[in-house]
Amino acid sequence: RVAFGVVRAVHAEDAYANLVLPARIRQARLDRRDAGFATELAYGT
């Protein structure tokens, strides 16, 4: 869900992924493993 929100923000709002992703990870309170998965999924996509 975090990765999807980041990709949507980049395409719909012209956002910067490296600025959006950390805030969404903290907001979702992802642990280290899930944060790494969300990071690779968003950036890799």
All heavy atoms as atom14 arrays in JSON, in Angstrom:
{
  "sequence": "RVAFGVVRAVHAEDAYANLVLPARIRQARLDRRDAGFATELAYGT",
  "atom14_mask": [
    [1, 1, 1, 1, 1, 1, 1, 1, 1, 1, 1, 0, 0, 0],
    [1, 1, 1, 1, 1, 1, 1, 0, 0, 0, 0, 0, 0, 0],
    [1, 1, 1, 1, 1, 0, 0, 0, 0, 0, 0, 0, 0, 0],
    [1, 1, 1, 1, 1, 1, 1, 1, 1, 1, 1, 0, 0, 0],
    [1, 1, 1, 1, 0, 0, 0, 0, 0, 0, 0, 0, 0, 0],
    [1, 1, 1, 1, 1, 1, 1, 0, 0, 0, 0, 0, 0, 0],
    [1, 1, 1, 1, 1, 1, 1, 0, 0, 0, 0, 0, 0, 0],
    [1, 1, 1, 1, 1, 1, 1, 1, 1, 1, 1, 0, 0, 0],
    [1, 1, 1, 1, 1, 0, 0, 0, 0, 0, 0, 0, 0, 0],
    [1, 1, 1, 1, 1, 1, 1, 0, 0, 0, 0, 0, 0, 0],
    [1, 1, 1, 1, 1, 1, 1, 1, 1, 1, 0, 0, 0, 0],
    [1, 1, 1, 1, 1, 0, 0, 0, 0, 0, 0, 0, 0, 0],
    [1, 1, 1, 1, 1, 1, 1, 1, 1, 0, 0, 0, 0, 0],
    [1, 1, 1, 1, 1, 1, 1, 1, 0, 0, 0, 0, 0, 0],
    [1, 1, 1, 1, 1, 0, 0, 0, 0, 0, 0, 0, 0, 0],
    [1, 1, 1, 1, 1, 1, 1, 1, 1, 1, 1, 1, 0, 0],
    [1, 1, 1, 1, 1, 0, 0, 0, 0, 0, 0, 0, 0, 0],
    [1, 1, 1, 1, 1, 1, 1, 1, 0, 0, 0, 0, 0, 0],
    [1, 1, 1, 1, 1, 1, 1, 1, 0, 0, 0, 0, 0, 0],
    [1, 1, 1, 1, 1, 1, 1, 0, 0, 0, 0, 0, 0, 0],
    [1, 1, 1, 1, 1, 1, 1, 1, 0, 0, 0, 0, 0, 0],
    [1, 1, 1, 1, 1, 1, 1, 0, 0, 0, 0, 0, 0, 0],
    [1, 1, 1, 1, 1, 0, 0, 0, 0, 0, 0, 0, 0, 0],
    [1, 1, 1, 1, 1, 1, 1, 1, 1, 1, 1, 0, 0, 0],
    [1, 1, 1, 1, 1, 1, 1, 1, 0, 0, 0, 0, 0, 0],
    [1, 1, 1, 1, 1, 1, 1, 1, 1, 1, 1, 0, 0, 0],
    [1, 1, 1, 1, 1, 1, 1, 1, 1, 0, 0, 0, 0, 0],
    [1, 1, 1, 1, 1, 0, 0, 0, 0, 0, 0, 0, 0, 0],
    [1, 1, 1, 1, 1, 1, 1, 1, 1, 1, 1, 0, 0, 0],
    [1, 1, 1, 1, 1, 1, 1, 1, 0, 0, 0, 0, 0, 0],
    [1, 1, 1, 1, 1, 1, 1, 1, 0, 0, 0, 0, 0, 0],
    [1, 1, 1, 1, 1, 1, 1, 1, 1, 1, 1, 0, 0, 0],
    [1, 1, 1, 1, 1, 1, 1, 1, 1, 1, 1, 0, 0, 0],
    [1, 1, 1, 1, 1, 1, 1, 1, 0, 0, 0, 0, 0, 0],
    [1, 1, 1, 1, 1, 0, 0, 0, 0, 0, 0, 0, 0, 0],
    [1, 1, 1, 1, 0, 0, 0, 0, 0, 0, 0, 0, 0, 0],
    [1, 1, 1, 1, 1, 1, 1, 1, 1, 1, 1, 0, 0, 0],
    [1, 1, 1, 1, 1, 0, 0, 0, 0, 0, 0, 0, 0, 0],
    [1, 1, 1, 1, 1, 1, 1, 0, 0, 0, 0, 0, 0, 0],
    [1, 1, 1, 1, 1, 1, 1, 1, 1, 0, 0, 0, 0, 0],
    [1, 1, 1, 1, 1, 1, 1, 1, 0, 0, 0, 0, 0, 0],
    [1, 1, 1, 1, 1, 0, 0, 0, 0, 0, 0, 0, 0, 0],
    [1, 1, 1, 1, 1, 1, 1, 1, 1, 1, 1, 1, 0, 0],
    [1, 1, 1, 1, 0, 0, 0, 0, 0, 0, 0, 0, 0, 0],
    [1, 1, 1, 1, 1, 1, 1, 0, 0, 0, 0, 0, 0, 0]
  ],
  "atom14_positions": [
    [[0.83, -1.2, 0.0], [0.0, 0.0, 0.0], [0.87, 1.26, 0.0], [0.57, 2.23, -0.69], [-0.93, -0.02, 1.2], [-2.03, 1.03, 1.13], [-3.18, 0.68, 2.05], [-2.77, 0.56, 3.44], [-2.82, -0.57, 4.14], [-3.27, -1.68, 3.57], [-2.45, -0.6, 5.4], [0.0, 0.0, 0.0], [0.0, 0.0, 0.0], [0.0, 0.0, 0.0]],
    [[1.95, 1.23, 0.75], [2.88, 2.37, 0.76], [3.51, 2.54, -0.62], [3.59, 3.66, -1.15], [3.97, 2.16, 1.84], [5.13, 3.13, 1.63], [3.37, 2.37, 3.22], [0.0, 0.0, 0.0], [0.0, 0.0, 0.0], [0.0, 0.0, 0.0], [0.0, 0.0, 0.0], [0.0, 0.0, 0.0], [0.0, 0.0, 0.0], [0.0, 0.0, 0.0]],
    [[3.98, 1.45, -1.23], [4.6, 1.54, -2.56], [3.61, 2.07, -3.58], [3.96, 2.91, -4.43], [5.14, 0.17, -2.98], [0.0, 0.0, 0.0], [0.0, 0.0, 0.0], [0.0, 0.0, 0.0], [0.0, 0.0, 0.0], [0.0, 0.0, 0.0], [0.0, 0.0, 0.0], [0.0, 0.0, 0.0], [0.0, 0.0, 0.0], [0.0, 0.0, 0.0]],
    [[2.38, 1.6, -3.52], [1.35, 2.07, -4.46], [1.11, 3.57, -4.26], [0.99, 4.32, -5.24], [0.06, 1.29, -4.23], [-1.09, 1.75, -5.09], [-1.13, 1.46, -6.45], [-2.15, 2.46, -4.54], [-2.18, 1.87, -7.25], [-3.21, 2.88, -5.33], [-3.23, 2.58, -6.68], [0.0, 0.0, 0.0], [0.0, 0.0, 0.0], [0.0, 0.0, 0.0]],
    [[1.05, 4.02, -3.02], [0.85, 5.44, -2.76], [1.99, 6.3, -3.28], [1.76, 7.41, -3.8], [0.0, 0.0, 0.0], [0.0, 0.0, 0.0], [0.0, 0.0, 0.0], [0.0, 0.0, 0.0], [0.0, 0.0, 0.0], [0.0, 0.0, 0.0], [0.0, 0.0, 0.0], [0.0, 0.0, 0.0], [0.0, 0.0, 0.0], [0.0, 0.0, 0.0]],
    [[3.22, 5.8, -3.18], [4.37, 6.56, -3.68], [4.32, 6.67, -5.2], [4.51, 7.76, -5.77], [5.68, 5.89, -3.22], [6.88, 6.54, -3.9], [5.83, 6.0, -1.7], [0.0, 0.0, 0.0], [0.0, 0.0, 0.0], [0.0, 0.0, 0.0], [0.0, 0.0, 0.0], [0.0, 0.0, 0.0], [0.0, 0.0, 0.0], [0.0, 0.0, 0.0]],
    [[4.06, 5.56, -5.88], [4.01, 5.59, -7.34], [2.87, 6.48, -7.82], [3.01, 7.25, -8.78], [3.86, 4.15, -7.89], [3.66, 4.17, -9.41], [5.1, 3.32, -7.55], [0.0, 0.0, 0.0], [0.0, 0.0, 0.0], [0.0, 0.0, 0.0], [0.0, 0.0, 0.0], [0.0, 0.0, 0.0], [0.0, 0.0, 0.0], [0.0, 0.0, 0.0]],
    [[1.73, 6.43, -7.13], [0.62, 7.3, -7.51], [0.99, 8.77, -7.3], [0.64, 9.64, -8.11], [-0.63, 6.97, -6.69], [-1.3, 5.69, -7.06], [-1.78, 5.67, -8.5], [-2.64, 6.8, -8.8], [-2.54, 7.54, -9.91], [-1.59, 7.29, -10.81], [-3.36, 8.54, -10.12], [0.0, 0.0, 0.0], [0.0, 0.0, 0.0], [0.0, 0.0, 0.0]],
    [[1.67, 9.07, -6.2], [2.06, 10.46, -5.94], [3.01, 10.98, -7.0], [2.92, 12.14, -7.43], [2.69, 10.58, -4.55], [0.0, 0.0, 0.0], [0.0, 0.0, 0.0], [0.0, 0.0, 0.0], [0.0, 0.0, 0.0], [0.0, 0.0, 0.0], [0.0, 0.0, 0.0], [0.0, 0.0, 0.0], [0.0, 0.0, 0.0], [0.0, 0.0, 0.0]],
    [[3.92, 10.14, -7.46], [4.87, 10.55, -8.5], [4.14, 10.86, -9.8], [4.4, 11.87, -10.47], [5.93, 9.45, -8.71], [6.77, 9.74, -9.95], [6.82, 9.34, -7.49], [0.0, 0.0, 0.0], [0.0, 0.0, 0.0], [0.0, 0.0, 0.0], [0.0, 0.0, 0.0], [0.0, 0.0, 0.0], [0.0, 0.0, 0.0], [0.0, 0.0, 0.0]],
    [[3.19, 10.02, -10.18], [2.53, 10.18, -11.47], [1.37, 11.17, -11.42], [1.12, 11.86, -12.41], [2.03, 8.82, -11.97], [3.13, 7.88, -12.32], [3.03, 6.51, -12.25], [4.41, 8.12, -12.74], [4.17, 5.95, -12.61], [5.02, 6.91, -12.91], [0.0, 0.0, 0.0], [0.0, 0.0, 0.0], [0.0, 0.0, 0.0], [0.0, 0.0, 0.0]],
    [[0.67, 11.24, -10.32], [-0.51, 12.11, -10.25], [-0.19, 13.5, -9.72], [-0.86, 14.47, -10.08], [-1.58, 11.46, -9.37], [0.0, 0.0, 0.0], [0.0, 0.0, 0.0], [0.0, 0.0, 0.0], [0.0, 0.0, 0.0], [0.0, 0.0, 0.0], [0.0, 0.0, 0.0], [0.0, 0.0, 0.0], [0.0, 0.0, 0.0], [0.0, 0.0, 0.0]],
    [[0.85, 13.61, -8.87], [1.15, 14.88, -8.23], [2.53, 15.42, -8.59], [2.95, 16.44, -8.06], [1.04, 14.73, -6.72], [-0.31, 14.2, -6.25], [-0.29, 13.78, -4.78], [0.65, 14.2, -4.07], [-1.21, 13.05, -4.36], [0.0, 0.0, 0.0], [0.0, 0.0, 0.0], [0.0, 0.0, 0.0], [0.0, 0.0, 0.0], [0.0, 0.0, 0.0]],
    [[3.25, 14.7, -9.47], [4.6, 15.1, -9.85], [5.51, 15.19, -8.62], [6.36, 16.06, -8.52], [4.59, 16.43, -10.6], [5.82, 16.61, -11.47], [6.44, 15.6, -11.83], [6.18, 17.77, -11.78], [0.0, 0.0, 0.0], [0.0, 0.0, 0.0], [0.0, 0.0, 0.0], [0.0, 0.0, 0.0], [0.0, 0.0, 0.0], [0.0, 0.0, 0.0]],
    [[5.31, 14.27, -7.67], [6.08, 14.28, -6.43], [7.43, 13.61, -6.65], [7.65, 12.89, -7.63], [5.3, 13.56, -5.34], [0.0, 0.0, 0.0], [0.0, 0.0, 0.0], [0.0, 0.0, 0.0], [0.0, 0.0, 0.0], [0.0, 0.0, 0.0], [0.0, 0.0, 0.0], [0.0, 0.0, 0.0], [0.0, 0.0, 0.0], [0.0, 0.0, 0.0]],
    [[8.34, 13.84, -5.7], [9.65, 13.19, -5.7], [9.56, 11.95, -4.8], [9.22, 12.06, -3.62], [10.72, 14.14, -5.19], [11.05, 15.26, -6.15], [10.38, 16.48, -6.07], [12.01, 15.09, -7.15], [10.67, 17.51, -6.96], [12.3, 16.12, -8.03], [11.63, 17.31, -7.93], [11.91, 18.33, -8.81], [0.0, 0.0, 0.0], [0.0, 0.0, 0.0]],
    [[9.88, 10.8, -5.37], [9.73, 9.56, -4.62], [10.59, 9.54, -3.37], [10.17, 9.04, -2.32], [10.09, 8.37, -5.52], [0.0, 0.0, 0.0], [0.0, 0.0, 0.0], [0.0, 0.0, 0.0], [0.0, 0.0, 0.0], [0.0, 0.0, 0.0], [0.0, 0.0, 0.0], [0.0, 0.0, 0.0], [0.0, 0.0, 0.0], [0.0, 0.0, 0.0]],
    [[11.81, 10.08, -3.45], [12.69, 10.03, -2.29], [12.22, 10.93, -1.16], [12.66, 10.76, -0.02], [14.12, 10.43, -2.7], [14.2, 11.86, -3.19], [13.34, 12.32, -3.95], [15.21, 12.58, -2.77], [0.0, 0.0, 0.0], [0.0, 0.0, 0.0], [0.0, 0.0, 0.0], [0.0, 0.0, 0.0], [0.0, 0.0, 0.0], [0.0, 0.0, 0.0]],
    [[11.32, 11.86, -1.44], [10.75, 12.7, -0.39], [9.45, 12.12, 0.15], [9.15, 12.26, 1.34], [10.5, 14.12, -0.91], [11.72, 14.88, -1.43], [11.31, 16.27, -1.9], [12.8, 14.97, -0.36], [0.0, 0.0, 0.0], [0.0, 0.0, 0.0], [0.0, 0.0, 0.0], [0.0, 0.0, 0.0], [0.0, 0.0, 0.0], [0.0, 0.0, 0.0]],
    [[8.69, 11.47, -0.7], [7.4, 10.92, -0.29], [7.57, 9.62, 0.48], [6.89, 9.39, 1.49], [6.5, 10.71, -1.52], [5.19, 10.02, -1.13], [6.21, 12.03, -2.2], [0.0, 0.0, 0.0], [0.0, 0.0, 0.0], [0.0, 0.0, 0.0], [0.0, 0.0, 0.0], [0.0, 0.0, 0.0], [0.0, 0.0, 0.0], [0.0, 0.0, 0.0]],
    [[8.48, 8.76, 0.04], [8.57, 7.42, 0.6], [8.89, 7.4, 2.1], [8.19, 6.72, 2.86], [9.6, 6.6, -0.19], [9.82, 5.17, 0.3], [8.54, 4.35, 0.17], [10.95, 4.5, -0.48], [0.0, 0.0, 0.0], [0.0, 0.0, 0.0], [0.0, 0.0, 0.0], [0.0, 0.0, 0.0], [0.0, 0.0, 0.0], [0.0, 0.0, 0.0]],
    [[9.92, 8.1, 2.59], [10.22, 8.01, 4.03], [9.05, 8.44, 4.9], [8.78, 7.81, 5.93], [11.43, 8.95, 4.19], [12.06, 9.01, 2.85], [10.93, 8.93, 1.87], [0.0, 0.0, 0.0], [0.0, 0.0, 0.0], [0.0, 0.0, 0.0], [0.0, 0.0, 0.0], [0.0, 0.0, 0.0], [0.0, 0.0, 0.0], [0.0, 0.0, 0.0]],
    [[8.35, 9.49, 4.5], [7.21, 9.94, 5.29], [6.11, 8.89, 5.33], [5.49, 8.65, 6.38], [6.68, 11.26, 4.73], [0.0, 0.0, 0.0], [0.0, 0.0, 0.0], [0.0, 0.0, 0.0], [0.0, 0.0, 0.0], [0.0, 0.0, 0.0], [0.0, 0.0, 0.0], [0.0, 0.0, 0.0], [0.0, 0.0, 0.0], [0.0, 0.0, 0.0]],
    [[5.84, 8.24, 4.2], [4.79, 7.22, 4.18], [5.21, 5.98, 4.95], [4.36, 5.3, 5.55], [4.45, 6.87, 2.72], [3.71, 8.0, 2.01], [3.35, 7.62, 0.58], [2.58, 8.68, -0.06], [1.26, 8.73, -0.14], [0.55, 7.77, 0.43], [0.64, 9.72, -0.75], [0.0, 0.0, 0.0], [0.0, 0.0, 0.0], [0.0, 0.0, 0.0]],
    [[6.48, 5.64, 4.93], [6.96, 4.5, 5.72], [6.76, 4.77, 7.21], [6.29, 3.91, 7.96], [8.44, 4.21, 5.4], [8.55, 3.56, 4.02], [9.04, 3.29, 6.46], [9.98, 3.32, 3.58], [0.0, 0.0, 0.0], [0.0, 0.0, 0.0], [0.0, 0.0, 0.0], [0.0, 0.0, 0.0], [0.0, 0.0, 0.0], [0.0, 0.0, 0.0]],
    [[7.09, 5.98, 7.64], [6.9, 6.32, 9.05], [5.41, 6.37, 9.4], [5.01, 5.92, 10.49], [7.56, 7.66, 9.35], [9.08, 7.62, 9.35], [9.67, 8.88, 9.94], [9.41, 10.02, 9.07], [10.24, 10.43, 8.12], [11.38, 9.77, 7.91], [9.97, 11.47, 7.38], [0.0, 0.0, 0.0], [0.0, 0.0, 0.0], [0.0, 0.0, 0.0]],
    [[4.6, 6.91, 8.51], [3.17, 7.0, 8.77], [2.55, 5.61, 8.9], [1.67, 5.39, 9.74], [2.48, 7.77, 7.65], [0.99, 8.0, 7.86], [0.36, 8.79, 6.72], [1.01, 9.04, 5.7], [-0.88, 9.17, 6.89], [0.0, 0.0, 0.0], [0.0, 0.0, 0.0], [0.0, 0.0, 0.0], [0.0, 0.0, 0.0], [0.0, 0.0, 0.0]],
    [[2.99, 4.66, 8.09], [2.48, 3.3, 8.14], [3.14, 2.46, 9.23], [2.72, 1.33, 9.48], [2.66, 2.61, 6.79], [0.0, 0.0, 0.0], [0.0, 0.0, 0.0], [0.0, 0.0, 0.0], [0.0, 0.0, 0.0], [0.0, 0.0, 0.0], [0.0, 0.0, 0.0], [0.0, 0.0, 0.0], [0.0, 0.0, 0.0], [0.0, 0.0, 0.0]],
    [[4.19, 2.99, 9.86], [4.91, 2.31, 10.93], [5.41, 0.94, 10.48], [5.24, -0.07, 11.17], [4.02, 2.17, 12.17], [3.59, 3.5, 12.77], [2.73, 3.32, 14.0], [2.35, 4.6, 14.57], [1.59, 4.75, 15.65], [1.12, 3.67, 16.27], [1.3, 5.95, 16.09], [0.0, 0.0, 0.0], [0.0, 0.0, 0.0], [0.0, 0.0, 0.0]],
    [[6.03, 0.93, 9.32], [6.58, -0.32, 8.8], [7.84, -0.69, 9.56], [8.65, 0.17, 9.91], [6.89, -0.18, 7.31], [5.74, 0.16, 6.37], [6.22, 0.15, 4.93], [4.57, -0.8, 6.54], [0.0, 0.0, 0.0], [0.0, 0.0, 0.0], [0.0, 0.0, 0.0], [0.0, 0.0, 0.0], [0.0, 0.0, 0.0], [0.0, 0.0, 0.0]],
    [[8.02, -1.97, 9.8], [9.28, -2.41, 10.38], [10.36, -2.43, 9.3], [10.11, -2.1, 8.14], [9.12, -3.78, 11.04], [8.65, -4.87, 10.07], [8.84, -4.71, 8.84], [8.09, -5.88, 10.52], [0.0, 0.0, 0.0], [0.0, 0.0, 0.0], [0.0, 0.0, 0.0], [0.0, 0.0, 0.0], [0.0, 0.0, 0.0], [0.0, 0.0, 0.0]],
    [[11.54, -2.81, 9.69], [12.68, -2.71, 8.77], [12.47, -3.58, 7.53], [12.74, -3.15, 6.42], [13.96, -3.14, 9.49], [15.18, -3.15, 8.61], [16.41, -3.57, 9.38], [17.56, -3.71, 8.5], [18.75, -4.1, 8.9], [18.95, -4.4, 10.18], [19.74, -4.2, 8.05], [0.0, 0.0, 0.0], [0.0, 0.0, 0.0], [0.0, 0.0, 0.0]],
    [[11.95, -4.79, 7.73], [11.77, -5.69, 6.59], [10.73, -5.14, 5.62], [10.96, -5.1, 4.4], [11.35, -7.07, 7.09], [11.11, -8.08, 5.97], [10.72, -9.43, 6.56], [10.45, -10.41, 5.52], [10.07, -11.66, 5.76], [9.91, -12.06, 7.01], [9.85, -12.49, 4.76], [0.0, 0.0, 0.0], [0.0, 0.0, 0.0], [0.0, 0.0, 0.0]],
    [[9.59, -4.72, 6.13], [8.55, -4.19, 5.26], [8.98, -2.87, 4.62], [8.61, -2.57, 3.48], [7.25, -3.99, 6.05], [6.54, -5.3, 6.31], [6.87, -6.3, 5.65], [5.65, -5.33, 7.18], [0.0, 0.0, 0.0], [0.0, 0.0, 0.0], [0.0, 0.0, 0.0], [0.0, 0.0, 0.0], [0.0, 0.0, 0.0], [0.0, 0.0, 0.0]],
    [[9.75, -2.06, 5.35], [10.24, -0.81, 4.78], [11.16, -1.08, 3.6], [11.1, -0.39, 2.57], [10.95, 0.02, 5.85], [0.0, 0.0, 0.0], [0.0, 0.0, 0.0], [0.0, 0.0, 0.0], [0.0, 0.0, 0.0], [0.0, 0.0, 0.0], [0.0, 0.0, 0.0], [0.0, 0.0, 0.0], [0.0, 0.0, 0.0], [0.0, 0.0, 0.0]],
    [[12.02, -2.09, 3.75], [12.9, -2.44, 2.63], [12.13, -2.97, 1.44], [12.45, -2.65, 0.29], [0.0, 0.0, 0.0], [0.0, 0.0, 0.0], [0.0, 0.0, 0.0], [0.0, 0.0, 0.0], [0.0, 0.0, 0.0], [0.0, 0.0, 0.0], [0.0, 0.0, 0.0], [0.0, 0.0, 0.0], [0.0, 0.0, 0.0], [0.0, 0.0, 0.0]],
    [[11.08, -3.75, 1.7], [10.25, -4.28, 0.6], [9.53, -3.14, -0.1], [9.5, -3.08, -1.34], [9.24, -5.28, 1.15], [8.38, -5.92, 0.1], [8.8, -7.06, -0.56], [7.15, -5.38, -0.24], [8.02, -7.66, -1.54], [6.36, -5.96, -1.21], [6.79, -7.1, -1.87], [0.0, 0.0, 0.0], [0.0, 0.0, 0.0], [0.0, 0.0, 0.0]],
    [[8.93, -2.23, 0.66], [8.23, -1.09, 0.06], [9.18, -0.22, -0.75], [8.82, 0.29, -1.83], [7.54, -0.27, 1.14], [0.0, 0.0, 0.0], [0.0, 0.0, 0.0], [0.0, 0.0, 0.0], [0.0, 0.0, 0.0], [0.0, 0.0, 0.0], [0.0, 0.0, 0.0], [0.0, 0.0, 0.0], [0.0, 0.0, 0.0], [0.0, 0.0, 0.0]],
    [[10.4, -0.05, -0.25], [11.38, 0.78, -0.96], [11.74, 0.17, -2.3], [11.74, 0.85, -3.34], [12.64, 0.95, -0.09], [12.28, 1.6, 1.13], [13.68, 1.79, -0.82], [0.0, 0.0, 0.0], [0.0, 0.0, 0.0], [0.0, 0.0, 0.0], [0.0, 0.0, 0.0], [0.0, 0.0, 0.0], [0.0, 0.0, 0.0], [0.0, 0.0, 0.0]],
    [[12.06, -1.12, -2.31], [12.42, -1.78, -3.57], [11.24, -1.83, -4.53], [11.4, -1.64, -5.74], [12.94, -3.19, -3.29], [13.07, -4.07, -4.53], [13.94, -3.44, -5.62], [14.85, -2.66, -5.29], [13.68, -3.74, -6.8], [0.0, 0.0, 0.0], [0.0, 0.0, 0.0], [0.0, 0.0, 0.0], [0.0, 0.0, 0.0], [0.0, 0.0, 0.0]],
    [[10.04, -2.06, -4.0], [8.87, -2.15, -4.87], [8.58, -0.81, -5.52], [8.3, -0.74, -6.72], [7.66, -2.64, -4.07], [6.36, -2.82, -4.85], [6.56, -3.73, -6.06], [5.27, -3.39, -3.94], [0.0, 0.0, 0.0], [0.0, 0.0, 0.0], [0.0, 0.0, 0.0], [0.0, 0.0, 0.0], [0.0, 0.0, 0.0], [0.0, 0.0, 0.0]],
    [[8.65, 0.26, -4.75], [8.35, 1.59, -5.31], [9.45, 2.05, -6.27], [9.18, 2.42, -7.42], [8.18, 2.61, -4.18], [0.0, 0.0, 0.0], [0.0, 0.0, 0.0], [0.0, 0.0, 0.0], [0.0, 0.0, 0.0], [0.0, 0.0, 0.0], [0.0, 0.0, 0.0], [0.0, 0.0, 0.0], [0.0, 0.0, 0.0], [0.0, 0.0, 0.0]],
    [[10.69, 2.02, -5.8], [11.79, 2.5, -6.64], [12.0, 1.59, -7.84], [12.27, 2.07, -8.96], [13.08, 2.57, -5.82], [13.14, 3.72, -4.85], [14.12, 3.77, -3.86], [12.24, 4.78, -4.92], [14.19, 4.82, -2.97], [12.3, 5.83, -4.03], [13.28, 5.85, -3.06], [13.35, 6.9, -2.18], [0.0, 0.0, 0.0], [0.0, 0.0, 0.0]],
    [[11.9, 0.27, -7.65], [12.1, -0.65, -8.76], [11.03, -0.49, -9.84], [11.33, -0.56, -11.03], [0.0, 0.0, 0.0], [0.0, 0.0, 0.0], [0.0, 0.0, 0.0], [0.0, 0.0, 0.0], [0.0, 0.0, 0.0], [0.0, 0.0, 0.0], [0.0, 0.0, 0.0], [0.0, 0.0, 0.0], [0.0, 0.0, 0.0], [0.0, 0.0, 0.0]],
    [[9.79, -0.25, -9.41], [8.72, -0.03, -10.38], [8.98, 1.23, -11.19], [8.8, 1.26, -12.41], [7.37, 0.07, -9.66], [7.12, -1.16, -8.98], [6.25, 0.34, -10.65], [0.0, 0.0, 0.0], [0.0, 0.0, 0.0], [0.0, 0.0, 0.0], [0.0, 0.0, 0.0], [0.0, 0.0, 0.0], [0.0, 0.0, 0.0], [0.0, 0.0, 0.0]]
  ]
}
